[in-house]
Protein backbone atom coordinates (compact mmCIF):
# COMPACT_ATOMS: atom_id res chain seq x y z
CA MET A 1 -34.49 -13.71 -13.91
CA ARG A 2 -31.87 -16.26 -14.94
CA ALA A 3 -28.63 -15.42 -13.14
CA CYS A 4 -25.30 -17.18 -13.01
CA VAL A 5 -22.50 -16.78 -10.49
CA VAL A 6 -19.16 -17.96 -11.85
CA GLY A 7 -16.92 -19.07 -8.99
CA ALA A 8 -17.69 -20.90 -5.75
CA GLY A 9 -15.20 -19.36 -3.36
CA VAL A 10 -16.34 -17.19 -0.49
CA VAL A 11 -16.95 -14.20 -2.80
CA GLY A 12 -19.02 -16.22 -5.26
CA LEU A 13 -21.15 -17.94 -2.64
CA LEU A 14 -21.88 -14.73 -0.76
CA THR A 15 -22.80 -13.03 -4.03
CA ALA A 16 -25.21 -15.89 -4.71
CA MET A 17 -26.72 -15.58 -1.23
CA GLU A 18 -27.15 -11.83 -1.65
CA LEU A 19 -28.88 -12.36 -5.00
CA GLN A 20 -31.29 -14.81 -3.39
CA ARG A 21 -31.97 -12.40 -0.55
CA GLU A 22 -32.61 -9.46 -2.88
CA LEU A 23 -34.52 -11.12 -5.71
CA GLY A 24 -36.28 -13.98 -3.94
CA ALA A 25 -38.72 -16.09 -5.97
CA SER A 26 -38.06 -14.14 -9.18
CA LEU A 27 -34.50 -15.52 -9.30
CA ASP A 28 -33.43 -18.62 -11.22
CA LEU A 29 -29.86 -19.05 -9.94
CA THR A 30 -27.01 -21.28 -11.11
CA ILE A 31 -23.46 -21.43 -9.76
CA LEU A 32 -20.78 -22.51 -12.24
CA ALA A 33 -17.34 -23.41 -10.91
CA ASP A 34 -14.53 -25.88 -11.43
CA LYS A 35 -13.50 -25.82 -7.74
CA PHE A 36 -15.59 -26.16 -4.60
CA ASN A 37 -15.08 -26.15 -0.83
CA GLU A 38 -11.65 -27.56 0.11
CA GLU A 39 -10.44 -27.07 -3.49
CA THR A 40 -10.65 -23.27 -3.19
CA THR A 41 -8.06 -20.83 -1.88
CA GLY A 42 -10.20 -20.02 1.13
CA ASP A 43 -9.84 -23.53 2.54
CA GLY A 44 -6.32 -22.85 3.78
CA ALA A 45 -7.00 -19.36 5.07
CA ALA A 46 -7.13 -18.69 8.81
CA GLY A 47 -10.32 -16.72 8.21
CA PHE A 48 -9.24 -13.80 10.37
CA PHE A 49 -11.47 -10.75 9.93
CA TYR A 50 -9.14 -7.77 9.75
CA PRO A 51 -8.51 -5.73 6.60
CA SER A 52 -5.13 -4.30 5.81
CA THR A 53 -4.90 -0.56 5.34
CA TYR A 54 -3.83 -1.24 1.74
CA PHE A 55 -7.02 -3.15 0.91
CA ALA A 56 -8.83 -0.72 -1.38
CA GLY A 57 -12.06 -0.30 -3.24
CA PRO A 58 -12.72 2.60 -5.62
CA THR A 59 -12.85 5.09 -2.71
CA PHE A 60 -12.12 5.00 1.00
CA ASP A 61 -15.79 5.49 1.84
CA VAL A 62 -16.83 2.55 -0.35
CA THR A 63 -14.09 0.37 1.16
CA LYS A 64 -15.18 1.29 4.65
CA GLN A 65 -18.79 0.41 3.81
CA TRP A 66 -17.73 -2.98 2.43
CA ILE A 67 -15.96 -3.79 5.69
CA ARG A 68 -18.80 -2.51 7.86
CA ASP A 69 -21.42 -4.48 5.89
CA SER A 70 -19.25 -7.60 6.11
CA PHE A 71 -18.61 -7.32 9.84
CA GLU A 72 -22.30 -6.83 10.54
CA TRP A 73 -23.23 -9.78 8.31
CA TYR A 74 -20.80 -12.20 9.94
CA SER A 75 -21.65 -10.89 13.42
CA ALA A 76 -25.30 -11.75 12.81
CA VAL A 77 -24.25 -15.30 11.94
CA CYS A 78 -21.86 -15.45 14.90
CA TRP A 79 -24.61 -14.69 17.40
CA SER A 80 -27.15 -17.01 15.78
CA ASP A 81 -27.79 -20.73 16.12
CA GLN A 82 -25.94 -21.19 12.81
CA ALA A 83 -22.57 -20.02 14.15
CA ARG A 84 -20.93 -23.39 14.69
CA ALA A 85 -22.20 -24.92 11.45
CA ALA A 86 -21.00 -21.86 9.54
CA GLY A 87 -17.59 -21.80 11.22
CA VAL A 88 -17.99 -18.24 12.51
CA ALA A 89 -16.70 -17.38 15.99
CA GLU A 90 -15.45 -14.45 18.02
CA VAL A 91 -11.73 -14.28 18.81
CA THR A 92 -9.65 -11.92 20.93
CA GLY A 93 -5.96 -11.18 20.90
CA TYR A 94 -3.15 -8.76 20.33
CA PHE A 95 -1.42 -6.77 17.62
CA PHE A 96 2.17 -6.04 18.66
CA SER A 97 4.94 -4.08 16.97
CA ASN A 98 8.36 -2.66 17.72
CA GLN A 99 8.27 -0.48 14.61
CA SER A 100 5.34 1.92 14.80
CA ARG A 101 2.07 2.52 16.64
CA ASP A 102 0.40 2.78 13.22
CA ARG A 103 1.15 -0.92 12.67
CA VAL A 104 -1.12 -1.92 15.54
CA ARG A 105 -4.02 0.42 14.79
CA ASN A 106 -6.75 0.21 12.18
CA PRO A 107 -9.22 3.12 12.08
CA VAL A 108 -11.91 1.10 10.28
CA MET A 109 -11.80 -1.78 12.74
CA GLU A 110 -11.55 0.54 15.71
CA GLU A 111 -15.12 1.62 14.94
CA LEU A 112 -16.41 -1.94 14.51
CA CYS A 113 -14.73 -4.19 17.07
CA PRO A 114 -16.63 -4.67 20.34
CA GLU A 115 -13.29 -4.32 22.14
CA TYR A 116 -10.43 -2.24 20.78
CA ARG A 117 -7.90 -0.58 23.09
CA ASP A 118 -4.21 0.01 23.72
CA ALA A 119 -2.42 -2.93 25.28
CA THR A 120 -1.43 -2.40 28.90
CA GLU A 121 2.19 -2.34 30.03
CA ASP A 122 1.78 -5.87 31.38
CA GLU A 123 0.26 -7.05 28.09
CA LEU A 124 3.18 -5.59 26.13
CA GLN A 125 5.39 -8.03 28.04
CA LEU A 126 3.43 -11.08 26.88
CA ILE A 127 5.96 -11.69 24.11
CA PRO A 128 9.65 -12.34 24.83
CA GLY A 129 11.54 -9.08 25.15
CA GLY A 130 8.31 -7.12 25.20
CA ALA A 131 6.80 -4.91 22.52
CA ARG A 132 6.86 -1.13 22.19
CA PHE A 133 3.33 -0.87 20.81
CA GLY A 134 0.24 -3.01 21.15
CA THR A 135 -3.52 -3.20 20.67
CA TYR A 136 -5.99 -5.60 22.23
CA ALA A 137 -9.02 -6.34 20.05
CA SER A 138 -11.93 -8.69 19.53
CA THR A 139 -12.90 -9.66 16.00
CA LEU A 140 -14.22 -12.68 14.10
CA ILE A 141 -12.93 -15.91 12.62
CA VAL A 142 -14.68 -17.30 9.52
CA GLU A 143 -13.30 -20.75 8.71
CA CYS A 144 -14.01 -21.59 5.08
CA ARG A 145 -13.61 -25.30 5.83
CA TYR A 146 -17.04 -25.01 7.45
CA PHE A 147 -18.40 -21.81 5.94
CA LEU A 148 -18.27 -22.78 2.27
CA PRO A 149 -20.23 -26.06 2.62
CA TRP A 150 -22.70 -24.28 4.92
CA ALA A 151 -23.25 -21.46 2.41
CA LEU A 152 -23.53 -23.86 -0.53
CA HIS A 153 -26.15 -25.91 1.31
CA ARG A 154 -28.22 -22.80 2.05
CA ILE A 155 -28.02 -21.66 -1.57
CA GLN A 156 -29.22 -25.04 -2.81
CA ALA A 157 -31.94 -25.22 -0.15
CA ALA A 158 -33.23 -21.89 -1.47
CA GLY A 159 -33.46 -23.28 -5.01
CA GLY A 160 -30.02 -22.53 -6.41
CA ARG A 161 -28.38 -25.04 -8.76
CA VAL A 162 -24.73 -25.96 -8.88
CA GLN A 163 -22.69 -27.20 -11.85
CA ARG A 164 -19.02 -28.20 -11.88
CA ARG A 165 -17.95 -26.54 -15.08
CA ALA A 166 -15.05 -24.40 -16.27
CA VAL A 167 -15.97 -21.15 -18.01
CA SER A 168 -13.65 -19.84 -20.73
CA ARG A 169 -15.72 -16.87 -21.96
CA LEU A 170 -18.33 -14.86 -20.09
CA ASP A 171 -20.13 -13.75 -23.24
CA ASN A 172 -20.78 -17.40 -24.15
CA LEU A 173 -23.20 -17.50 -21.22
CA SER A 174 -25.54 -14.92 -22.74
CA GLU A 175 -27.80 -17.54 -24.35
CA ASP A 176 -28.54 -19.25 -21.04
CA PHE A 177 -28.54 -16.35 -18.58
CA ASP A 178 -29.76 -12.78 -18.28
CA ALA A 179 -27.01 -11.83 -15.82
CA VAL A 180 -23.58 -13.19 -14.95
CA PHE A 181 -21.61 -12.36 -11.81
CA ASN A 182 -17.90 -12.97 -12.30
CA CYS A 183 -16.39 -14.07 -8.98
CA THR A 184 -13.47 -16.07 -10.34
CA GLY A 185 -10.68 -14.59 -8.23
CA LEU A 186 -7.30 -15.07 -9.88
CA GLY A 187 -9.01 -16.78 -12.80
CA ALA A 188 -10.31 -13.39 -13.91
CA ALA A 189 -6.82 -12.51 -15.15
CA LYS A 190 -7.28 -14.88 -18.09
CA LEU A 191 -11.06 -14.75 -18.29
CA CYS A 192 -11.12 -10.94 -18.54
CA GLY A 193 -7.61 -10.26 -19.83
CA ASP A 194 -7.03 -8.23 -16.67
CA HIS A 195 -3.29 -7.78 -16.33
CA THR A 196 -3.67 -5.67 -13.18
CA LEU A 197 -4.76 -8.81 -11.31
CA VAL A 198 -1.75 -10.62 -9.82
CA PRO A 199 -1.18 -13.39 -7.27
CA VAL A 200 0.15 -12.71 -3.81
CA ARG A 201 1.62 -16.00 -2.67
CA GLY A 202 1.12 -16.98 0.95
CA GLN A 203 2.45 -19.89 2.97
CA VAL A 204 1.33 -21.08 6.42
CA TYR A 205 1.57 -23.91 8.91
CA LYS A 206 -1.45 -25.68 10.35
CA VAL A 207 -0.54 -27.05 13.78
CA THR A 208 -2.16 -28.71 16.77
CA ALA A 209 -1.76 -26.39 19.77
CA PRO A 210 -5.00 -26.40 21.77
CA TRP A 211 -3.55 -24.17 24.50
CA ILE A 212 -3.48 -21.23 22.06
CA LYS A 213 -6.72 -19.33 22.68
CA THR A 214 -5.87 -15.80 21.50
CA PHE A 215 -4.44 -14.43 18.26
CA THR A 216 -1.08 -12.68 18.09
CA TYR A 217 0.22 -10.47 15.29
CA PHE A 218 3.76 -9.12 15.20
CA ASP A 219 6.17 -7.46 12.79
CA ARG A 220 7.32 -9.08 9.53
CA ASP A 221 3.87 -10.52 8.80
CA THR A 222 4.08 -12.87 11.77
CA TYR A 223 0.78 -14.22 13.05
CA ILE A 224 -0.63 -16.98 15.23
CA ILE A 225 -4.39 -17.50 14.80
CA PRO A 226 -6.42 -20.13 16.68
CA ASN A 227 -9.01 -22.00 14.66
CA ARG A 228 -11.48 -24.68 15.78
CA HIS A 229 -9.23 -27.73 15.46
CA GLN A 230 -5.89 -26.19 14.55
CA VAL A 231 -3.76 -23.07 14.82
CA THR A 232 -2.57 -21.19 11.75
CA LEU A 233 1.02 -19.89 11.77
CA GLY A 234 2.14 -17.41 9.18
CA GLY A 235 2.96 -15.86 7.04
CA SER A 236 4.32 -14.47 3.83
CA ARG A 237 3.34 -12.23 0.93
CA TRP A 238 5.09 -12.63 -2.42
CA LEU A 239 3.64 -10.44 -5.15
CA GLY A 240 3.62 -12.01 -8.60
CA ASN A 241 4.74 -15.46 -7.40
CA TYR A 242 2.68 -18.33 -8.85
CA SER A 243 4.41 -21.24 -7.09
CA LEU A 244 2.16 -23.57 -5.09
CA GLU A 245 5.10 -25.60 -3.77
CA VAL A 246 6.06 -25.35 -0.10
CA ASP A 247 9.32 -23.43 0.19
CA ALA A 248 11.62 -24.93 2.84
CA HIS A 249 13.45 -21.67 3.57
CA GLU A 250 10.15 -19.86 3.98
CA SER A 251 8.90 -22.63 6.27
CA ALA A 252 11.93 -22.28 8.50
CA ALA A 253 11.54 -18.50 8.65
CA ILE A 254 7.83 -18.67 9.54
CA TRP A 255 8.44 -21.26 12.25
CA GLU A 256 11.33 -19.28 13.75
CA ARG A 257 9.33 -16.03 13.84
CA CYS A 258 6.23 -17.60 15.37
CA VAL A 259 8.14 -19.52 18.05
CA SER A 260 10.09 -16.38 18.93
CA VAL A 261 6.79 -14.61 19.65
CA VAL A 262 5.00 -17.55 21.35
CA PRO A 263 7.70 -19.98 22.58
CA SER A 264 5.18 -22.65 23.63
CA LEU A 265 4.58 -23.32 19.93
CA GLN A 266 7.83 -25.27 19.95
CA ALA A 267 5.72 -28.13 21.34
CA ALA A 268 3.03 -27.86 18.66
CA ARG A 269 2.43 -30.80 16.33
CA VAL A 270 2.55 -29.88 12.65
CA GLN A 271 -0.54 -31.07 10.75
CA ARG A 272 0.43 -29.73 7.35
CA GLN A 273 1.82 -26.78 5.43
CA TRP A 274 -0.27 -24.91 2.90
CA VAL A 275 0.39 -22.51 0.04
CA GLY A 276 -2.23 -20.33 -1.62
CA LEU A 277 -2.39 -17.57 -4.20
CA ARG A 278 -4.36 -14.50 -3.19
CA PRO A 279 -5.99 -12.63 -6.13
CA PHE A 280 -4.75 -9.06 -5.69
CA ARG A 281 -6.00 -6.04 -7.61
CA CYS A 282 -5.96 -2.37 -6.66
CA PRO A 283 -8.68 -1.37 -6.54
CA VAL A 284 -10.84 -4.46 -6.08
CA ARG A 285 -13.10 -4.69 -9.12
CA VAL A 286 -16.81 -4.56 -8.29
CA GLU A 287 -18.71 -3.09 -11.22
CA ALA A 288 -20.99 -3.79 -14.15
CA ASP A 289 -19.14 -4.37 -17.42
CA LYS A 290 -20.78 -2.17 -20.04
CA ALA A 291 -18.53 -3.49 -22.80
CA LEU A 292 -19.72 -7.08 -22.31
CA GLY A 293 -23.32 -6.20 -21.53
CA SER A 294 -26.24 -5.68 -23.89
CA ASP A 295 -29.94 -4.87 -23.71
CA THR A 296 -30.63 -8.43 -22.57
CA PHE A 297 -27.40 -9.47 -20.86
CA THR A 298 -25.55 -8.01 -17.87
CA VAL A 299 -22.09 -8.87 -16.56
CA VAL A 300 -21.01 -7.77 -13.09
CA HIS A 301 -17.46 -8.32 -11.84
CA ASN A 302 -16.56 -9.01 -8.21
CA TYR A 303 -12.91 -10.03 -7.89
CA GLY A 304 -9.43 -8.94 -6.83
CA HIS A 305 -9.86 -9.05 -3.05
CA GLY A 306 -6.30 -10.20 -2.35
CA GLY A 307 -6.06 -11.80 1.07
CA TYR A 308 -9.27 -10.15 2.20
CA GLY A 309 -11.96 -12.07 0.36
CA ILE A 310 -13.38 -13.44 3.59
CA THR A 311 -13.16 -10.06 5.29
CA SER A 312 -14.95 -8.15 2.53
CA ALA A 313 -17.12 -10.67 0.66
CA PRO A 314 -20.54 -9.82 2.18
CA GLY A 315 -19.92 -6.13 1.51
CA THR A 316 -18.70 -6.52 -2.06
CA ALA A 317 -21.55 -8.97 -2.75
CA ARG A 318 -24.04 -6.31 -1.72
CA HIS A 319 -22.20 -3.77 -3.89
CA ALA A 320 -22.23 -6.15 -6.88
CA VAL A 321 -25.99 -6.72 -6.65
CA LYS A 322 -26.49 -2.98 -6.28
CA ALA A 323 -24.40 -2.41 -9.42
CA PHE A 324 -26.62 -4.89 -11.25
CA ARG A 325 -29.77 -3.06 -10.18
CA GLU A 326 -28.34 0.31 -11.18
CA GLN A 327 -27.44 -1.07 -14.59
CA HIS A 328 -31.09 -2.01 -15.10
CA ARG A 329 -32.39 1.30 -13.84
CA ALA A 330 -30.16 2.93 -16.43
CA GLY A 331 -31.95 0.90 -19.12
CA VAL A 332 -29.26 -1.65 -19.89
CA GLY A 333 -30.66 -5.16 -19.74
CA SER A 334 -34.34 -5.91 -20.06
CA CYS A 335 -34.73 -9.02 -17.91
CA LYS A 336 -37.52 -8.97 -15.41
CA LEU A 337 -36.66 -8.54 -11.76
């Protein structure tokens, strides 16, 4: 089967890997993208595995399965000899809030995390002035700076081809491919005419602070996340904002919030500031497109993950390949599996 994955971010590469796992030698795979590795949105992400309660698939049960599948997939990498090369590591830390206990609890992650408990009274005093509510948890970090090149190498080693190429119409690919998987993130707004897909602008600092070993989350979208060679300080969420320019007022606000929670960050050395646009859609779109498909051509969409592409990509990749198989069982598309 001739298959094409459009998009080489974390969602696209994990979809490609899932296709190779499922279809094996019968698959002739090509990845088409105009951006790779450090050019993608994922490069600036902290890679923190923790879905928001507003991240949504078509149903709660489906969403929960996406997260479970993803956590299990990354965990397998984390405890393998590929962990360092792939940029996957375990991390522990705290969620604090003065607003509500609900802000420090996540029922999906509570079932998955190896450690997940209420913070002790002493732990609540770890931030200046203390916190009313807190949770201690262990989860995963997936740094795309390492993960994307690692995944791309594995795809190519398994026979996949890669082309740097912009795609303006999915149906134009029907002559060369039997199936197309659309993993274009925010690009799907134009490619599919999907006006429900909007950017959520985020801005962060990348700093040198090697003494920071645990993550800290606090109110007002404040977070401090240790990565391998840097610490990510954030953050912000601006729905519908397309600007990729660093905003000085936002920078000052992020710095002030993070230092107020972890005062030692005042001594951190700033490496850079970064702005990215998260592709937000509710619900995330993972489905076969019957309108674009035909007896010999199948299109499957997998986009709209917002700021949770890393967190959910293995799960939505599995769902996308399943949707492709179901489309063929229903008699649409006649390519050989």
